[in-house]
C-alpha cells in the first residue's frame, strides 16, 4: 500500500470526520480515526488525541504524535482544567499557563475541547503545536464541530 496522493486539508476535515463517524458506533475507533485525520490535516501541530475520563482522572486514549502523559488529574494542566470546567480552552503559550504539564517539551501552544454526552464528561480532545499562538478562533470553531460530530455517536 502506498501513501495517499491527496493530502487532507482543513476544508476537507469536517465532512470527512462526519462521514467516518456516521457509520461507526465504536467510540475508540472513531477517536482513533479523528486523531489521525487531525494529525494529517492540521498544519503545524505535533500531537492530536484524546484523553478519556476514567477512575476520576483523564487517561490517555487514541492519539497521533510522540509519547504522551498517561494520566492527568482533574484540574491539572490544560486538559485537567478543561475536564473540570467542561469548556474549550485555547492556550497561546503553554509555558504561561499555570500548572501546565509538559508532556512534550516542543509544545508551545494548545487547544483542548471537552467531549460530553448529555452534560457528562467523556474525555477531552487535545491538540498541541510547536508554534506559539497557533490556534485561532476558526480552529476552535472547526474543532468544536468535529467534537460535536463525535458526541452524536456516543451512547451513555
N, C-alpha and C. Protein backbone atom coordinates (compact mmCIF):
# COMPACT_ATOMS: atom_id res chain seq x y z
N UNK A 1 0.85 -1.17 0.00
CA UNK A 1 0.00 0.00 0.00
C UNK A 1 0.89 1.23 0.00
N UNK A 2 0.59 2.19 -0.82
CA UNK A 2 1.39 3.40 -0.91
C UNK A 2 0.71 4.54 -0.15
N UNK A 3 1.48 5.59 0.09
CA UNK A 3 0.96 6.76 0.79
C UNK A 3 -0.09 7.45 -0.09
N UNK A 4 -1.05 8.12 0.55
CA UNK A 4 -2.08 8.81 -0.24
C UNK A 4 -1.47 9.90 -1.11
N UNK A 5 -2.03 10.08 -2.29
CA UNK A 5 -1.56 11.11 -3.21
C UNK A 5 -2.12 12.47 -2.79
N UNK A 6 -3.38 12.49 -2.36
CA UNK A 6 -4.05 13.73 -1.95
C UNK A 6 -3.95 13.88 -0.44
N UNK A 7 -3.37 14.96 0.01
CA UNK A 7 -3.30 15.23 1.45
C UNK A 7 -4.59 15.91 1.88
N UNK A 8 -5.13 15.44 2.99
CA UNK A 8 -6.35 16.02 3.55
C UNK A 8 -6.09 17.47 3.94
N UNK A 9 -7.04 18.34 3.66
CA UNK A 9 -6.92 19.76 4.03
C UNK A 9 -7.90 20.08 5.15
N UNK A 10 -7.75 21.25 5.73
CA UNK A 10 -8.68 21.66 6.78
C UNK A 10 -10.09 21.82 6.22
N UNK A 11 -10.20 22.17 4.94
CA UNK A 11 -11.52 22.31 4.32
C UNK A 11 -12.21 20.95 4.18
N UNK A 12 -11.42 19.90 4.00
CA UNK A 12 -11.96 18.54 3.88
C UNK A 12 -12.27 17.90 5.23
N UNK A 13 -11.72 18.46 6.27
CA UNK A 13 -11.69 17.79 7.57
C UNK A 13 -13.07 17.48 8.15
N UNK A 14 -13.93 18.48 8.30
CA UNK A 14 -15.23 18.25 8.93
C UNK A 14 -16.08 17.26 8.14
N UNK A 15 -16.24 17.42 6.82
CA UNK A 15 -17.05 16.43 6.11
C UNK A 15 -16.45 15.02 6.15
N UNK A 16 -15.13 14.93 6.18
CA UNK A 16 -14.50 13.62 6.26
C UNK A 16 -14.78 12.98 7.62
N UNK A 17 -14.63 13.75 8.69
CA UNK A 17 -14.93 13.23 10.04
C UNK A 17 -16.38 12.81 10.12
N UNK A 18 -17.29 13.65 9.65
CA UNK A 18 -18.71 13.32 9.71
C UNK A 18 -19.00 12.03 8.95
N UNK A 19 -18.39 11.85 7.82
CA UNK A 19 -18.58 10.63 7.04
C UNK A 19 -18.04 9.40 7.77
N UNK A 20 -16.87 9.53 8.35
CA UNK A 20 -16.23 8.40 9.04
C UNK A 20 -17.03 7.98 10.27
N UNK A 21 -17.46 8.95 11.09
CA UNK A 21 -18.12 8.59 12.35
C UNK A 21 -19.59 8.23 12.18
N UNK A 22 -20.19 8.65 11.07
CA UNK A 22 -21.63 8.42 10.89
C UNK A 22 -21.99 6.94 10.79
N UNK A 23 -21.08 6.12 10.35
CA UNK A 23 -21.39 4.69 10.18
C UNK A 23 -20.67 3.81 11.19
N UNK A 24 -19.98 4.42 12.17
CA UNK A 24 -19.23 3.63 13.15
C UNK A 24 -19.69 3.97 14.57
N UNK A 25 -20.27 3.01 15.29
CA UNK A 25 -20.75 3.30 16.64
C UNK A 25 -19.68 3.21 17.74
N UNK A 26 -18.50 2.66 17.44
CA UNK A 26 -17.50 2.46 18.48
C UNK A 26 -16.73 3.76 18.76
N UNK A 27 -16.76 4.20 20.00
CA UNK A 27 -16.13 5.45 20.39
C UNK A 27 -14.62 5.42 20.17
N UNK A 28 -13.94 4.37 20.57
CA UNK A 28 -12.49 4.30 20.45
C UNK A 28 -12.07 4.31 18.98
N UNK A 29 -12.78 3.56 18.16
CA UNK A 29 -12.47 3.55 16.72
C UNK A 29 -12.64 4.95 16.13
N UNK A 30 -13.71 5.64 16.50
CA UNK A 30 -13.94 6.98 16.00
C UNK A 30 -12.88 7.96 16.50
N UNK A 31 -12.51 7.86 17.76
CA UNK A 31 -11.47 8.75 18.30
C UNK A 31 -10.13 8.49 17.60
N UNK A 32 -9.81 7.24 17.34
CA UNK A 32 -8.56 6.91 16.67
C UNK A 32 -8.52 7.52 15.27
N UNK A 33 -9.62 7.38 14.54
CA UNK A 33 -9.67 7.94 13.19
C UNK A 33 -9.66 9.47 13.21
N UNK A 34 -10.35 10.08 14.16
CA UNK A 34 -10.34 11.54 14.26
C UNK A 34 -8.93 12.04 14.57
N UNK A 35 -8.24 11.40 15.51
CA UNK A 35 -6.87 11.81 15.85
C UNK A 35 -5.97 11.73 14.62
N UNK A 36 -6.12 10.67 13.83
CA UNK A 36 -5.31 10.51 12.62
C UNK A 36 -5.65 11.58 11.59
N UNK A 37 -6.94 11.83 11.39
CA UNK A 37 -7.35 12.85 10.41
C UNK A 37 -6.85 14.23 10.81
N UNK A 38 -6.95 14.57 12.08
CA UNK A 38 -6.47 15.86 12.56
C UNK A 38 -4.97 16.00 12.36
N UNK A 39 -4.24 14.94 12.69
CA UNK A 39 -2.79 14.97 12.58
C UNK A 39 -2.35 15.15 11.13
N UNK A 40 -3.11 14.60 10.21
CA UNK A 40 -2.80 14.74 8.79
C UNK A 40 -3.20 16.12 8.25
N UNK A 41 -4.35 16.62 8.65
CA UNK A 41 -4.92 17.82 8.00
C UNK A 41 -4.48 19.14 8.61
N UNK A 42 -4.23 19.16 9.91
CA UNK A 42 -3.91 20.44 10.55
C UNK A 42 -2.42 20.75 10.43
N UNK A 43 -2.09 21.90 9.86
CA UNK A 43 -0.67 22.24 9.76
C UNK A 43 -0.10 22.66 11.11
N UNK A 44 1.18 22.46 11.26
CA UNK A 44 1.92 22.95 12.43
C UNK A 44 1.40 22.42 13.76
N UNK A 45 1.08 21.12 13.80
CA UNK A 45 0.76 20.50 15.09
C UNK A 45 1.74 19.35 15.32
N UNK A 46 1.97 19.04 16.59
CA UNK A 46 2.87 17.93 16.91
C UNK A 46 2.19 16.84 17.75
N UNK A 47 0.90 17.01 18.06
CA UNK A 47 0.17 15.98 18.82
C UNK A 47 -1.32 16.23 18.66
N UNK A 48 -2.06 15.17 18.44
CA UNK A 48 -3.52 15.25 18.44
C UNK A 48 -4.06 13.96 19.03
N UNK A 49 -4.98 14.10 19.95
CA UNK A 49 -5.53 12.88 20.53
C UNK A 49 -6.52 13.16 21.63
N UNK A 50 -6.90 12.07 22.26
CA UNK A 50 -7.96 12.11 23.27
C UNK A 50 -7.46 11.58 24.60
N UNK A 51 -8.00 12.16 25.65
CA UNK A 51 -7.90 11.60 26.99
C UNK A 51 -9.32 11.24 27.41
N UNK A 52 -9.47 10.09 28.02
CA UNK A 52 -10.78 9.59 28.43
C UNK A 52 -10.95 9.72 29.93
N UNK A 53 -12.16 10.09 30.35
CA UNK A 53 -12.46 10.23 31.78
C UNK A 53 -12.73 8.85 32.36
N UNK A 54 -11.81 8.38 33.21
CA UNK A 54 -11.91 7.07 33.86
C UNK A 54 -11.33 7.18 35.26
N UNK A 55 -11.97 6.53 36.20
CA UNK A 55 -11.42 6.44 37.56
C UNK A 55 -11.10 7.82 38.14
N UNK A 56 -11.98 8.81 37.87
CA UNK A 56 -11.82 10.17 38.38
C UNK A 56 -10.55 10.87 37.91
N UNK A 57 -10.10 10.53 36.70
CA UNK A 57 -8.94 11.19 36.10
C UNK A 57 -9.01 11.01 34.58
N UNK A 58 -8.18 11.76 33.89
CA UNK A 58 -8.07 11.59 32.44
C UNK A 58 -7.01 10.54 32.15
N UNK A 59 -7.35 9.58 31.29
CA UNK A 59 -6.44 8.50 30.92
C UNK A 59 -6.21 8.57 29.41
N UNK A 60 -4.98 8.42 29.01
CA UNK A 60 -4.61 8.51 27.60
C UNK A 60 -5.46 7.59 26.74
N UNK A 61 -5.97 8.15 25.64
CA UNK A 61 -6.74 7.41 24.66
C UNK A 61 -6.05 7.45 23.32
N UNK A 62 -6.80 7.26 22.24
CA UNK A 62 -6.21 7.26 20.90
C UNK A 62 -5.53 8.60 20.58
N UNK A 63 -4.34 8.52 19.98
CA UNK A 63 -3.62 9.75 19.64
C UNK A 63 -2.64 9.51 18.51
N UNK A 64 -2.13 10.61 17.97
CA UNK A 64 -1.07 10.63 16.98
C UNK A 64 -0.01 11.60 17.49
N UNK A 65 1.24 11.19 17.46
CA UNK A 65 2.32 12.06 17.91
C UNK A 65 3.28 11.31 18.79
N UNK A 66 4.08 12.07 19.50
CA UNK A 66 5.11 11.50 20.37
C UNK A 66 4.49 10.93 21.66
N UNK A 67 5.30 10.22 22.39
CA UNK A 67 4.92 9.66 23.69
C UNK A 67 4.17 10.71 24.50
N UNK A 68 3.12 10.28 25.20
CA UNK A 68 2.25 11.23 25.90
C UNK A 68 2.14 10.91 27.38
N UNK A 69 1.70 11.89 28.15
CA UNK A 69 1.38 11.66 29.55
C UNK A 69 0.23 10.64 29.59
N UNK A 70 0.29 9.72 30.51
CA UNK A 70 -0.69 8.64 30.57
C UNK A 70 -1.92 9.02 31.38
N UNK A 71 -1.73 9.70 32.51
CA UNK A 71 -2.83 10.06 33.38
C UNK A 71 -2.70 11.52 33.80
N UNK A 72 -3.84 12.21 33.79
CA UNK A 72 -3.87 13.62 34.16
C UNK A 72 -4.98 13.81 35.19
N UNK A 73 -4.64 14.33 36.39
CA UNK A 73 -5.67 14.57 37.41
C UNK A 73 -6.62 15.70 37.01
N UNK A 74 -7.83 15.62 37.50
CA UNK A 74 -8.83 16.65 37.28
C UNK A 74 -8.29 17.99 37.79
N UNK A 75 -8.40 19.02 36.96
CA UNK A 75 -7.97 20.36 37.35
C UNK A 75 -6.49 20.64 37.15
N UNK A 76 -5.72 19.66 36.69
CA UNK A 76 -4.28 19.85 36.50
C UNK A 76 -3.96 20.04 35.02
N UNK A 77 -3.12 21.02 34.71
CA UNK A 77 -2.74 21.29 33.34
C UNK A 77 -3.93 21.77 32.52
N UNK A 78 -3.71 21.92 31.22
CA UNK A 78 -4.77 22.41 30.35
C UNK A 78 -5.88 21.37 30.23
N UNK A 79 -5.51 20.11 30.01
CA UNK A 79 -6.53 19.06 29.84
C UNK A 79 -7.36 18.87 31.10
N UNK A 80 -6.71 18.83 32.25
CA UNK A 80 -7.43 18.67 33.51
C UNK A 80 -8.32 19.85 33.83
N UNK A 81 -7.90 21.05 33.44
CA UNK A 81 -8.71 22.25 33.63
C UNK A 81 -9.95 22.20 32.76
N UNK A 82 -9.78 21.79 31.50
CA UNK A 82 -10.93 21.67 30.59
C UNK A 82 -11.89 20.61 31.12
N UNK A 83 -11.36 19.50 31.61
CA UNK A 83 -12.22 18.45 32.17
C UNK A 83 -13.03 18.98 33.35
N UNK A 84 -12.41 19.79 34.19
CA UNK A 84 -13.10 20.34 35.36
C UNK A 84 -14.14 21.38 34.97
N UNK A 85 -13.81 22.23 33.99
CA UNK A 85 -14.69 23.34 33.61
C UNK A 85 -15.67 22.98 32.51
N UNK A 86 -15.39 21.88 31.78
CA UNK A 86 -16.22 21.43 30.65
C UNK A 86 -16.41 22.53 29.61
N UNK A 87 -15.33 23.25 29.33
CA UNK A 87 -15.35 24.30 28.32
C UNK A 87 -14.01 24.31 27.58
N UNK A 88 -14.05 24.71 26.32
CA UNK A 88 -12.85 24.75 25.49
C UNK A 88 -11.86 25.78 26.00
N UNK A 89 -10.57 25.43 25.93
CA UNK A 89 -9.51 26.38 26.26
C UNK A 89 -8.53 26.45 25.10
N UNK A 90 -8.21 27.66 24.68
CA UNK A 90 -7.15 27.91 23.72
C UNK A 90 -6.01 28.57 24.49
N UNK A 91 -4.84 27.96 24.45
CA UNK A 91 -3.70 28.46 25.22
C UNK A 91 -2.60 28.88 24.23
N UNK A 92 -2.42 30.19 24.04
CA UNK A 92 -1.44 30.67 23.06
C UNK A 92 0.01 30.34 23.43
N UNK A 93 0.29 30.29 24.75
CA UNK A 93 1.64 29.99 25.23
C UNK A 93 1.51 29.07 26.44
N UNK A 94 1.77 27.78 26.22
CA UNK A 94 1.57 26.82 27.31
C UNK A 94 2.48 27.07 28.49
N UNK A 95 3.64 27.71 28.26
CA UNK A 95 4.57 27.96 29.36
C UNK A 95 4.07 29.04 30.29
N UNK A 96 3.09 29.82 29.84
CA UNK A 96 2.49 30.86 30.68
C UNK A 96 1.23 30.35 31.39
N UNK A 97 0.81 29.10 31.10
CA UNK A 97 -0.39 28.54 31.72
C UNK A 97 -0.03 27.97 33.09
N UNK A 98 -0.68 28.44 34.15
CA UNK A 98 -0.36 27.94 35.49
C UNK A 98 -0.60 26.43 35.60
N UNK A 99 0.40 25.71 36.04
CA UNK A 99 0.27 24.27 36.24
C UNK A 99 0.35 23.45 34.96
N UNK A 100 0.86 24.05 33.88
CA UNK A 100 0.98 23.32 32.61
C UNK A 100 1.78 22.04 32.81
N UNK A 101 1.30 20.95 32.21
CA UNK A 101 2.00 19.67 32.26
C UNK A 101 2.73 19.51 30.94
N UNK A 102 4.05 19.47 30.98
CA UNK A 102 4.85 19.40 29.76
C UNK A 102 5.09 17.94 29.37
N UNK A 103 4.16 17.38 28.60
CA UNK A 103 4.34 16.02 28.11
C UNK A 103 5.37 15.99 26.98
N UNK A 104 5.40 17.04 26.16
CA UNK A 104 6.36 17.18 25.08
C UNK A 104 6.94 18.58 25.17
N UNK A 105 8.22 18.68 25.44
CA UNK A 105 8.88 19.97 25.61
C UNK A 105 8.79 20.84 24.37
N UNK A 106 8.53 20.25 23.21
CA UNK A 106 8.44 21.02 21.96
C UNK A 106 7.12 21.78 21.84
N UNK A 107 6.12 21.43 22.63
CA UNK A 107 4.81 22.09 22.52
C UNK A 107 4.88 23.52 23.05
N UNK A 108 4.30 24.43 22.27
CA UNK A 108 4.29 25.85 22.64
C UNK A 108 2.87 26.39 22.83
N UNK A 109 1.90 25.82 22.11
CA UNK A 109 0.51 26.24 22.25
C UNK A 109 -0.38 25.01 22.21
N UNK A 110 -1.63 25.20 22.66
CA UNK A 110 -2.51 24.04 22.83
C UNK A 110 -3.96 24.47 22.75
N UNK A 111 -4.80 23.57 22.26
CA UNK A 111 -6.25 23.74 22.32
C UNK A 111 -6.83 22.44 22.83
N UNK A 112 -7.76 22.55 23.77
CA UNK A 112 -8.40 21.38 24.36
C UNK A 112 -9.91 21.61 24.38
N UNK A 113 -10.64 20.61 23.87
CA UNK A 113 -12.10 20.68 23.77
C UNK A 113 -12.70 19.54 24.58
N UNK A 114 -13.67 19.81 25.44
CA UNK A 114 -14.30 18.72 26.19
C UNK A 114 -15.18 17.87 25.28
N UNK A 115 -15.22 16.57 25.56
CA UNK A 115 -16.14 15.65 24.89
C UNK A 115 -17.20 15.29 25.93
N UNK A 116 -18.45 15.64 25.63
CA UNK A 116 -19.54 15.47 26.60
C UNK A 116 -20.68 14.67 25.98
N UNK A 117 -21.40 13.97 26.82
CA UNK A 117 -22.64 13.33 26.40
C UNK A 117 -23.68 13.65 27.45
N UNK A 118 -24.69 14.42 27.05
CA UNK A 118 -25.75 14.85 27.97
C UNK A 118 -25.16 15.50 29.23
N UNK A 119 -24.14 16.32 29.03
CA UNK A 119 -23.50 17.04 30.12
C UNK A 119 -22.46 16.26 30.89
N UNK A 120 -22.39 14.96 30.69
CA UNK A 120 -21.40 14.12 31.39
C UNK A 120 -20.08 14.14 30.64
N UNK A 121 -18.98 14.25 31.37
CA UNK A 121 -17.66 14.27 30.77
C UNK A 121 -17.29 12.87 30.27
N UNK A 122 -16.95 12.77 29.00
CA UNK A 122 -16.47 11.53 28.40
C UNK A 122 -14.95 11.58 28.27
N UNK A 123 -14.43 12.77 27.98
CA UNK A 123 -13.00 12.96 27.83
C UNK A 123 -12.72 14.33 27.23
N UNK A 124 -11.51 14.48 26.67
CA UNK A 124 -11.13 15.74 26.02
C UNK A 124 -10.36 15.43 24.75
N UNK A 125 -10.49 16.32 23.78
CA UNK A 125 -9.66 16.32 22.59
C UNK A 125 -8.55 17.34 22.84
N UNK A 126 -7.31 16.92 22.68
CA UNK A 126 -6.14 17.75 22.96
C UNK A 126 -5.30 17.85 21.69
N UNK A 127 -4.95 19.07 21.30
CA UNK A 127 -4.08 19.28 20.14
C UNK A 127 -2.99 20.26 20.55
N UNK A 128 -1.75 19.87 20.27
CA UNK A 128 -0.58 20.69 20.62
C UNK A 128 0.13 21.15 19.35
N UNK A 129 0.82 22.29 19.48
CA UNK A 129 1.61 22.83 18.38
C UNK A 129 2.97 23.28 18.89
N UNK A 130 4.00 23.15 18.07
CA UNK A 130 5.32 23.67 18.44
C UNK A 130 5.46 25.17 18.17
N UNK A 131 4.35 25.82 17.81
CA UNK A 131 4.35 27.24 17.48
C UNK A 131 3.44 27.99 18.45
N UNK A 132 3.95 29.05 19.04
CA UNK A 132 3.12 29.89 19.91
C UNK A 132 2.00 30.52 19.09
N UNK A 133 0.85 30.73 19.73
CA UNK A 133 -0.31 31.37 19.10
C UNK A 133 -0.80 30.63 17.85
N UNK A 134 -0.62 29.33 17.79
CA UNK A 134 -1.01 28.56 16.60
C UNK A 134 -2.53 28.51 16.41
N UNK A 135 -3.27 28.42 17.50
CA UNK A 135 -4.71 28.16 17.41
C UNK A 135 -5.51 29.45 17.49
N UNK A 136 -6.36 29.64 16.48
CA UNK A 136 -7.18 30.84 16.37
C UNK A 136 -8.65 30.47 16.56
N UNK A 137 -9.52 31.47 16.50
CA UNK A 137 -10.94 31.23 16.70
C UNK A 137 -11.51 30.28 15.64
N UNK A 138 -11.03 30.39 14.41
CA UNK A 138 -11.50 29.48 13.35
C UNK A 138 -11.16 28.03 13.67
N UNK A 139 -9.99 27.81 14.28
CA UNK A 139 -9.61 26.45 14.70
C UNK A 139 -10.57 25.95 15.79
N UNK A 140 -10.85 26.82 16.76
CA UNK A 140 -11.76 26.44 17.85
C UNK A 140 -13.12 26.05 17.29
N UNK A 141 -13.65 26.85 16.39
CA UNK A 141 -14.97 26.57 15.81
C UNK A 141 -14.96 25.23 15.07
N UNK A 142 -13.95 25.01 14.23
CA UNK A 142 -13.85 23.76 13.48
C UNK A 142 -13.73 22.56 14.42
N UNK A 143 -12.86 22.66 15.40
CA UNK A 143 -12.63 21.53 16.30
C UNK A 143 -13.84 21.25 17.19
N UNK A 144 -14.55 22.28 17.59
CA UNK A 144 -15.78 22.05 18.35
C UNK A 144 -16.83 21.35 17.48
N UNK A 145 -16.89 21.68 16.20
CA UNK A 145 -17.82 20.97 15.30
C UNK A 145 -17.40 19.51 15.13
N UNK A 146 -16.12 19.25 15.08
CA UNK A 146 -15.63 17.87 14.97
C UNK A 146 -15.99 17.08 16.23
N UNK A 147 -15.78 17.68 17.39
CA UNK A 147 -16.15 17.02 18.64
C UNK A 147 -17.66 16.79 18.69
N UNK A 148 -18.43 17.75 18.21
CA UNK A 148 -19.88 17.59 18.18
C UNK A 148 -20.28 16.40 17.31
N UNK A 149 -19.61 16.22 16.19
CA UNK A 149 -19.89 15.06 15.32
C UNK A 149 -19.60 13.76 16.07
N UNK A 150 -18.53 13.74 16.83
CA UNK A 150 -18.20 12.56 17.65
C UNK A 150 -19.26 12.35 18.73
N UNK A 151 -19.64 13.42 19.42
CA UNK A 151 -20.61 13.32 20.51
C UNK A 151 -21.94 12.73 20.05
N UNK A 152 -22.33 13.01 18.82
CA UNK A 152 -23.59 12.48 18.29
C UNK A 152 -23.58 10.96 18.18
N UNK A 153 -22.40 10.36 18.15
CA UNK A 153 -22.29 8.89 18.03
C UNK A 153 -22.22 8.21 19.38
N UNK A 154 -22.07 8.98 20.45
CA UNK A 154 -21.86 8.39 21.78
C UNK A 154 -23.16 7.91 22.41
N UNK A 155 -23.06 6.81 23.13
CA UNK A 155 -24.17 6.33 23.93
C UNK A 155 -23.76 6.46 25.40
N UNK A 156 -24.71 6.71 26.26
CA UNK A 156 -24.39 6.92 27.68
C UNK A 156 -24.21 5.58 28.37
